[in-house]
Amino acid sequence: MGAILLALVIGGTIVVAGAVQAWARVMAQRSAGSGAEVEMLRREVDMLRADLEVAGALGERVAEMEERLDFAERLLAQRDAPRLGQGEQ
């Protein structure tokens, strides 16, 4: 009786282990996605990278314009500074 019970436990364990492995394979295939889905995601990532490059270039242009504006403001302040000093006397 003990040998039969042991054989049933071992056999059941083997069947369950096989089922778990099959389930794991199915889940891995699902998470990998289909070829079309993967390709679509790759294209979307490429588009986002291109948008990020454009945003970076725009950020550089904004920084350059801020520097130019600051320079122009300093020039105007220097030009107007003598007049302000004369008016206070």
N, C-alpha and C. Protein backbone atom coordinates (compact mmCIF):
# COMPACT_ATOMS: atom_id res chain seq x y z
N MET A 1 0.81 -1.18 0.00
CA MET A 1 0.00 0.00 0.00
C MET A 1 0.86 1.26 0.00
N GLY A 2 1.93 1.26 0.78
CA GLY A 2 2.81 2.42 0.87
C GLY A 2 3.50 2.70 -0.45
N ALA A 3 3.86 1.63 -1.20
CA ALA A 3 4.53 1.81 -2.49
C ALA A 3 3.58 2.42 -3.50
N ILE A 4 2.31 2.02 -3.47
CA ILE A 4 1.32 2.57 -4.38
C ILE A 4 1.10 4.06 -4.08
N LEU A 5 0.99 4.37 -2.80
CA LEU A 5 0.81 5.76 -2.41
C LEU A 5 2.00 6.61 -2.84
N LEU A 6 3.21 6.07 -2.65
CA LEU A 6 4.42 6.79 -3.05
C LEU A 6 4.43 6.99 -4.56
N ALA A 7 4.04 5.99 -5.33
CA ALA A 7 4.01 6.09 -6.79
C ALA A 7 3.00 7.14 -7.23
N LEU A 8 1.83 7.17 -6.55
CA LEU A 8 0.82 8.17 -6.88
C LEU A 8 1.31 9.59 -6.57
N VAL A 9 1.98 9.76 -5.46
CA VAL A 9 2.50 11.08 -5.09
C VAL A 9 3.56 11.52 -6.09
N ILE A 10 4.48 10.62 -6.43
CA ILE A 10 5.54 10.97 -7.40
C ILE A 10 4.93 11.25 -8.76
N GLY A 11 4.00 10.42 -9.20
CA GLY A 11 3.34 10.64 -10.49
C GLY A 11 2.57 11.94 -10.52
N GLY A 12 1.86 12.23 -9.45
CA GLY A 12 1.11 13.49 -9.36
C GLY A 12 2.03 14.69 -9.39
N THR A 13 3.15 14.57 -8.72
CA THR A 13 4.13 15.65 -8.70
C THR A 13 4.68 15.90 -10.10
N ILE A 14 4.95 14.82 -10.82
CA ILE A 14 5.47 14.95 -12.18
C ILE A 14 4.44 15.63 -13.08
N VAL A 15 3.18 15.24 -12.96
CA VAL A 15 2.13 15.82 -13.78
C VAL A 15 1.96 17.31 -13.45
N VAL A 16 1.95 17.64 -12.17
CA VAL A 16 1.80 19.03 -11.77
C VAL A 16 3.00 19.86 -12.25
N ALA A 17 4.20 19.30 -12.13
CA ALA A 17 5.39 20.02 -12.58
C ALA A 17 5.33 20.27 -14.08
N GLY A 18 4.87 19.29 -14.85
CA GLY A 18 4.73 19.46 -16.29
C GLY A 18 3.71 20.52 -16.63
N ALA A 19 2.60 20.54 -15.90
CA ALA A 19 1.57 21.55 -16.13
C ALA A 19 2.09 22.95 -15.80
N VAL A 20 2.85 23.06 -14.73
CA VAL A 20 3.41 24.36 -14.35
C VAL A 20 4.40 24.84 -15.41
N GLN A 21 5.22 23.93 -15.93
CA GLN A 21 6.17 24.32 -16.98
C GLN A 21 5.44 24.78 -18.24
N ALA A 22 4.39 24.06 -18.62
CA ALA A 22 3.61 24.44 -19.80
C ALA A 22 2.96 25.81 -19.58
N TRP A 23 2.41 26.03 -18.40
CA TRP A 23 1.80 27.32 -18.07
C TRP A 23 2.84 28.44 -18.13
N ALA A 24 4.04 28.17 -17.62
CA ALA A 24 5.10 29.17 -17.64
C ALA A 24 5.50 29.51 -19.07
N ARG A 25 5.55 28.50 -19.95
CA ARG A 25 5.88 28.76 -21.36
C ARG A 25 4.81 29.63 -22.02
N VAL A 26 3.55 29.34 -21.75
CA VAL A 26 2.45 30.13 -22.32
C VAL A 26 2.53 31.57 -21.83
N MET A 27 2.78 31.76 -20.55
CA MET A 27 2.86 33.11 -20.00
C MET A 27 4.05 33.87 -20.58
N ALA A 28 5.16 33.18 -20.79
CA ALA A 28 6.33 33.83 -21.38
C ALA A 28 6.04 34.27 -22.81
N GLN A 29 5.32 33.44 -23.56
CA GLN A 29 4.97 33.81 -24.93
C GLN A 29 4.01 34.99 -24.95
N ARG A 30 3.08 35.01 -24.01
CA ARG A 30 2.13 36.13 -23.94
C ARG A 30 2.85 37.43 -23.62
N SER A 31 3.79 37.37 -22.68
CA SER A 31 4.49 38.60 -22.29
C SER A 31 5.41 39.10 -23.39
N ALA A 32 5.89 38.19 -24.23
CA ALA A 32 6.75 38.61 -25.34
C ALA A 32 5.95 39.34 -26.41
N GLY A 33 4.68 39.05 -26.52
CA GLY A 33 3.84 39.73 -27.50
C GLY A 33 4.05 39.17 -28.88
N SER A 34 3.15 39.53 -29.78
CA SER A 34 3.27 39.07 -31.15
C SER A 34 4.29 39.93 -31.88
N GLY A 35 4.73 39.45 -33.02
CA GLY A 35 5.71 40.20 -33.80
C GLY A 35 5.18 41.56 -34.23
N ALA A 36 3.90 41.63 -34.57
CA ALA A 36 3.32 42.91 -34.99
C ALA A 36 3.27 43.90 -33.83
N GLU A 37 2.92 43.40 -32.66
CA GLU A 37 2.87 44.29 -31.48
C GLU A 37 4.26 44.82 -31.14
N VAL A 38 5.25 43.94 -31.21
CA VAL A 38 6.62 44.34 -30.90
C VAL A 38 7.09 45.39 -31.91
N GLU A 39 6.79 45.16 -33.18
CA GLU A 39 7.21 46.12 -34.21
C GLU A 39 6.52 47.46 -34.02
N MET A 40 5.24 47.43 -33.67
CA MET A 40 4.51 48.68 -33.43
C MET A 40 5.11 49.44 -32.25
N LEU A 41 5.46 48.72 -31.20
CA LEU A 41 6.07 49.37 -30.04
C LEU A 41 7.44 49.94 -30.38
N ARG A 42 8.19 49.24 -31.21
CA ARG A 42 9.51 49.76 -31.62
C ARG A 42 9.36 51.05 -32.41
N ARG A 43 8.37 51.08 -33.32
CA ARG A 43 8.14 52.31 -34.09
C ARG A 43 7.73 53.45 -33.18
N GLU A 44 6.89 53.15 -32.21
CA GLU A 44 6.45 54.19 -31.28
C GLU A 44 7.62 54.72 -30.45
N VAL A 45 8.50 53.82 -30.02
CA VAL A 45 9.69 54.25 -29.27
C VAL A 45 10.58 55.12 -30.15
N ASP A 46 10.74 54.73 -31.41
CA ASP A 46 11.55 55.54 -32.33
C ASP A 46 10.95 56.93 -32.51
N MET A 47 9.63 57.00 -32.63
CA MET A 47 8.97 58.30 -32.77
C MET A 47 9.16 59.15 -31.51
N LEU A 48 9.06 58.52 -30.35
CA LEU A 48 9.25 59.26 -29.10
C LEU A 48 10.69 59.76 -28.97
N ARG A 49 11.64 58.95 -29.42
CA ARG A 49 13.04 59.40 -29.39
C ARG A 49 13.24 60.60 -30.31
N ALA A 50 12.62 60.56 -31.48
CA ALA A 50 12.72 61.70 -32.41
C ALA A 50 12.09 62.95 -31.80
N ASP A 51 10.93 62.78 -31.16
CA ASP A 51 10.30 63.92 -30.49
C ASP A 51 11.18 64.46 -29.38
N LEU A 52 11.84 63.58 -28.67
CA LEU A 52 12.73 64.01 -27.59
C LEU A 52 13.91 64.81 -28.13
N GLU A 53 14.43 64.40 -29.28
CA GLU A 53 15.53 65.16 -29.91
C GLU A 53 15.05 66.55 -30.30
N VAL A 54 13.86 66.63 -30.86
CA VAL A 54 13.30 67.94 -31.25
C VAL A 54 13.12 68.80 -30.01
N ALA A 55 12.58 68.21 -28.94
CA ALA A 55 12.38 68.98 -27.70
C ALA A 55 13.72 69.46 -27.15
N GLY A 56 14.75 68.64 -27.24
CA GLY A 56 16.08 69.06 -26.79
C GLY A 56 16.61 70.22 -27.59
N ALA A 57 16.42 70.15 -28.91
CA ALA A 57 16.87 71.25 -29.77
C ALA A 57 16.10 72.52 -29.46
N LEU A 58 14.80 72.39 -29.22
CA LEU A 58 14.01 73.58 -28.86
C LEU A 58 14.46 74.15 -27.53
N GLY A 59 14.79 73.29 -26.60
CA GLY A 59 15.29 73.76 -25.31
C GLY A 59 16.58 74.55 -25.46
N GLU A 60 17.45 74.08 -26.35
CA GLU A 60 18.70 74.80 -26.60
C GLU A 60 18.41 76.17 -27.22
N ARG A 61 17.46 76.22 -28.13
CA ARG A 61 17.11 77.50 -28.76
C ARG A 61 16.52 78.46 -27.74
N VAL A 62 15.68 77.96 -26.85
CA VAL A 62 15.09 78.82 -25.81
C VAL A 62 16.19 79.35 -24.90
N ALA A 63 17.14 78.49 -24.53
CA ALA A 63 18.24 78.94 -23.67
C ALA A 63 19.06 80.02 -24.36
N GLU A 64 19.31 79.84 -25.66
CA GLU A 64 20.06 80.87 -26.40
C GLU A 64 19.28 82.17 -26.46
N MET A 65 17.97 82.12 -26.68
CA MET A 65 17.16 83.34 -26.71
C MET A 65 17.13 84.01 -25.35
N GLU A 66 17.11 83.23 -24.26
CA GLU A 66 17.16 83.82 -22.92
C GLU A 66 18.46 84.58 -22.71
N GLU A 67 19.57 83.99 -23.18
CA GLU A 67 20.86 84.68 -23.05
C GLU A 67 20.85 85.99 -23.85
N ARG A 68 20.30 85.94 -25.04
CA ARG A 68 20.25 87.16 -25.86
C ARG A 68 19.36 88.22 -25.21
N LEU A 69 18.24 87.81 -24.66
CA LEU A 69 17.34 88.74 -23.98
C LEU A 69 18.03 89.36 -22.77
N ASP A 70 18.72 88.54 -21.99
CA ASP A 70 19.45 89.06 -20.83
C ASP A 70 20.50 90.08 -21.27
N PHE A 71 21.21 89.78 -22.35
CA PHE A 71 22.23 90.69 -22.87
C PHE A 71 21.60 92.01 -23.29
N ALA A 72 20.47 91.92 -24.01
CA ALA A 72 19.79 93.14 -24.47
C ALA A 72 19.29 93.95 -23.28
N GLU A 73 18.79 93.27 -22.26
CA GLU A 73 18.32 93.99 -21.06
C GLU A 73 19.48 94.69 -20.36
N ARG A 74 20.63 94.02 -20.29
CA ARG A 74 21.79 94.67 -19.66
C ARG A 74 22.23 95.88 -20.45
N LEU A 75 22.24 95.78 -21.80
CA LEU A 75 22.62 96.93 -22.63
C LEU A 75 21.66 98.10 -22.41
N LEU A 76 20.38 97.81 -22.37
CA LEU A 76 19.41 98.87 -22.15
C LEU A 76 19.56 99.48 -20.76
N ALA A 77 19.85 98.65 -19.78
CA ALA A 77 20.02 99.16 -18.42
C ALA A 77 21.26 100.05 -18.34
N GLN A 78 22.32 99.67 -19.03
CA GLN A 78 23.54 100.49 -19.03
C GLN A 78 23.29 101.81 -19.75
N ARG A 79 22.54 101.75 -20.83
CA ARG A 79 22.26 102.97 -21.60
C ARG A 79 21.39 103.93 -20.79
N ASP A 80 20.43 103.39 -20.05
CA ASP A 80 19.52 104.22 -19.28
C ASP A 80 20.08 104.62 -17.91
N ALA A 81 21.11 103.97 -17.45
CA ALA A 81 21.64 104.23 -16.12
C ALA A 81 22.13 105.67 -15.95
N PRO A 82 22.87 106.26 -16.89
CA PRO A 82 23.30 107.64 -16.69
C PRO A 82 22.13 108.61 -16.61
N ARG A 83 21.08 108.38 -17.37
CA ARG A 83 19.91 109.27 -17.32
C ARG A 83 19.21 109.19 -15.98
N LEU A 84 19.13 107.99 -15.45
CA LEU A 84 18.48 107.85 -14.15
C LEU A 84 19.29 108.54 -13.06
N GLY A 85 20.57 108.44 -13.15
CA GLY A 85 21.41 109.09 -12.17
C GLY A 85 21.33 110.60 -12.26
N GLN A 86 21.20 111.13 -13.49
CA GLN A 86 21.11 112.58 -13.66
C GLN A 86 19.79 113.13 -13.16
N GLY A 87 18.75 112.38 -13.30
CA GLY A 87 17.44 112.84 -12.92
C GLY A 87 17.30 112.93 -11.40
N GLU A 88 18.04 112.17 -10.65
CA GLU A 88 17.91 112.15 -9.21
C GLU A 88 18.66 113.33 -8.57
N GLN A 89 19.57 113.95 -9.27
CA GLN A 89 20.37 115.03 -8.66
C GLN A 89 19.66 116.29 -8.56
